[in-house]
Structure formats: structure tokens, C-alpha cells
Amino acid sequence: MVAQQQEIAKSKASGESQTWEDLAKVKYTWRVAVENLRMVPPVFGGFRKDLIYIEYDGYLIPKGWQIFWVAPMTHMESSIFPEPSKFDPKYI
């Protein structure tokens, strides 16, 4: 991980900024950042408009209703992340 970052730093002139291409080269660092955002999302949730009638867990949600999506509920879902409370960059 550190070796990847040092290699990029050596390829840059003094004061030169990193690019998106550089970010693609530090895969483990990127996975750590994304896993951190999964565990502590910067946005709590958001609204979505129901475009069709949906049946969920025996309840009918009418078309056109506003649905509030909560990020931590999805990000801590054990069917998606086997150990959701564990910080593990390999999930990504």
C-alpha cells in the first residue's frame, strides 16, 4: 500500500497534484476509503418517488409515494456484507 503511494509521489514533480489516473493505481487505498464511507456514510439517506406499485413484506406501497432510503440500513445489511460491523476493505 505505501509502496504504491511512494511510487506515484516519485513520478510527480515538486508541487504537482495527483490525478484521477494516479488514484486508480492505489487500489487498496481506494478500497479503504470506500469501506470507510460504507461504515460512516456522509449522507444519512434520501427520498425516492415510487414509480410503480410495490409490495414489500406484505405491505402495498402505492405508486407516487415518497420513500425515504436510509444509507446505514443498506450499508449494514448482513445479506450484502457478511460481517457488516467489521471494517474490511476486501468487500468492495
Protein backbone atom coordinates (compact mmCIF):
# COMPACT_ATOMS: atom_id res chain seq x y z
CA MET A 1 0.00 0.00 0.00
CA VAL A 2 2.68 2.52 1.00
CA ALA A 3 4.87 1.37 -1.89
CA GLN A 4 2.12 2.26 -4.38
CA GLN A 5 1.80 5.75 -2.92
CA GLN A 6 5.57 6.29 -2.85
CA GLU A 7 5.86 5.21 -6.48
CA ILE A 8 3.28 7.81 -7.52
CA ALA A 9 4.95 10.51 -5.40
CA LYS A 10 8.32 9.80 -7.07
CA SER A 11 6.75 10.20 -10.52
CA LYS A 12 5.47 13.70 -9.72
CA ALA A 13 7.35 16.96 -9.96
CA SER A 14 7.63 19.02 -6.78
CA GLY A 15 4.20 20.53 -6.02
CA GLU A 16 2.44 18.62 -8.80
CA SER A 17 -1.02 17.36 -7.83
CA GLN A 18 -2.25 13.81 -8.16
CA THR A 19 -4.70 12.91 -10.93
CA TRP A 20 -7.61 10.50 -11.24
CA GLU A 21 -5.24 8.18 -13.10
CA ASP A 22 -2.98 8.16 -10.03
CA LEU A 23 -5.93 7.27 -7.82
CA ALA A 24 -6.64 4.22 -10.00
CA LYS A 25 -3.14 2.93 -9.20
CA VAL A 26 -3.65 2.82 -5.41
CA LYS A 27 -6.37 0.18 -5.33
CA TYR A 28 -6.05 -0.82 -1.67
CA THR A 29 -6.09 2.81 -0.51
CA TRP A 30 -9.24 3.35 -2.60
CA ARG A 31 -10.90 0.26 -1.06
CA VAL A 32 -10.07 1.57 2.43
CA ALA A 33 -11.67 4.92 1.59
CA VAL A 34 -14.81 3.32 0.16
CA GLU A 35 -15.14 0.93 3.12
CA ASN A 36 -14.87 3.90 5.46
CA LEU A 37 -17.70 5.64 3.57
CA ARG A 38 -19.78 2.44 3.82
CA MET A 39 -19.40 2.32 7.57
CA VAL A 40 -19.86 6.07 8.14
CA PRO A 41 -21.86 7.39 5.19
CA PRO A 42 -21.62 11.15 4.61
CA VAL A 43 -25.35 11.28 3.79
CA PHE A 44 -27.93 9.69 6.08
CA GLY A 45 -30.42 8.96 3.31
CA GLY A 46 -32.69 10.47 0.74
CA PHE A 47 -36.14 10.42 -0.78
CA ARG A 48 -37.17 8.46 -3.84
CA LYS A 49 -40.50 8.61 -5.64
CA ASP A 50 -42.21 5.26 -6.10
CA LEU A 51 -42.77 4.90 -9.87
CA ILE A 52 -44.79 1.66 -9.63
CA TYR A 53 -46.88 -0.13 -7.02
CA ILE A 54 -44.57 -2.12 -4.77
CA GLU A 55 -45.41 -4.92 -2.37
CA TYR A 56 -42.83 -5.17 0.40
CA ASP A 57 -43.05 -7.52 3.36
CA GLY A 58 -46.81 -7.82 2.94
CA TYR A 59 -47.38 -4.06 2.60
CA LEU A 60 -48.53 -2.32 -0.58
CA ILE A 61 -46.73 0.93 -1.29
CA PRO A 62 -48.83 2.96 -3.73
CA LYS A 63 -47.36 4.40 -6.91
CA GLY A 64 -46.28 8.03 -6.47
CA TRP A 65 -45.48 7.84 -2.75
CA GLN A 66 -42.24 9.26 -1.43
CA ILE A 67 -39.95 6.60 0.04
CA PHE A 68 -37.14 7.52 2.42
CA TRP A 69 -33.99 5.45 1.85
CA VAL A 70 -31.64 5.20 4.85
CA ALA A 71 -28.00 4.56 3.85
CA PRO A 72 -26.83 2.92 7.11
CA MET A 73 -29.65 0.37 6.89
CA THR A 74 -28.38 -0.76 3.48
CA HIS A 75 -24.70 -0.49 4.35
CA MET A 76 -25.12 -2.67 7.43
CA GLU A 77 -27.26 -5.32 5.70
CA SER A 78 -25.83 -8.77 6.50
CA SER A 79 -27.18 -10.28 3.27
CA ILE A 80 -24.88 -7.88 1.38
CA PHE A 81 -21.98 -7.62 3.85
CA PRO A 82 -21.45 -10.90 5.80
CA GLU A 83 -19.94 -9.05 8.77
CA PRO A 84 -21.33 -5.52 8.38
CA SER A 85 -19.76 -4.13 11.57
CA LYS A 86 -16.29 -5.32 10.59
CA PHE A 87 -14.02 -2.89 8.73
CA ASP A 88 -12.86 -4.99 5.79
CA PRO A 89 -11.80 -3.31 2.55
CA LYS A 90 -11.98 -6.60 0.60
CA TYR A 91 -15.82 -6.33 0.35
CA ILE A 92 -15.54 -3.78 -2.37
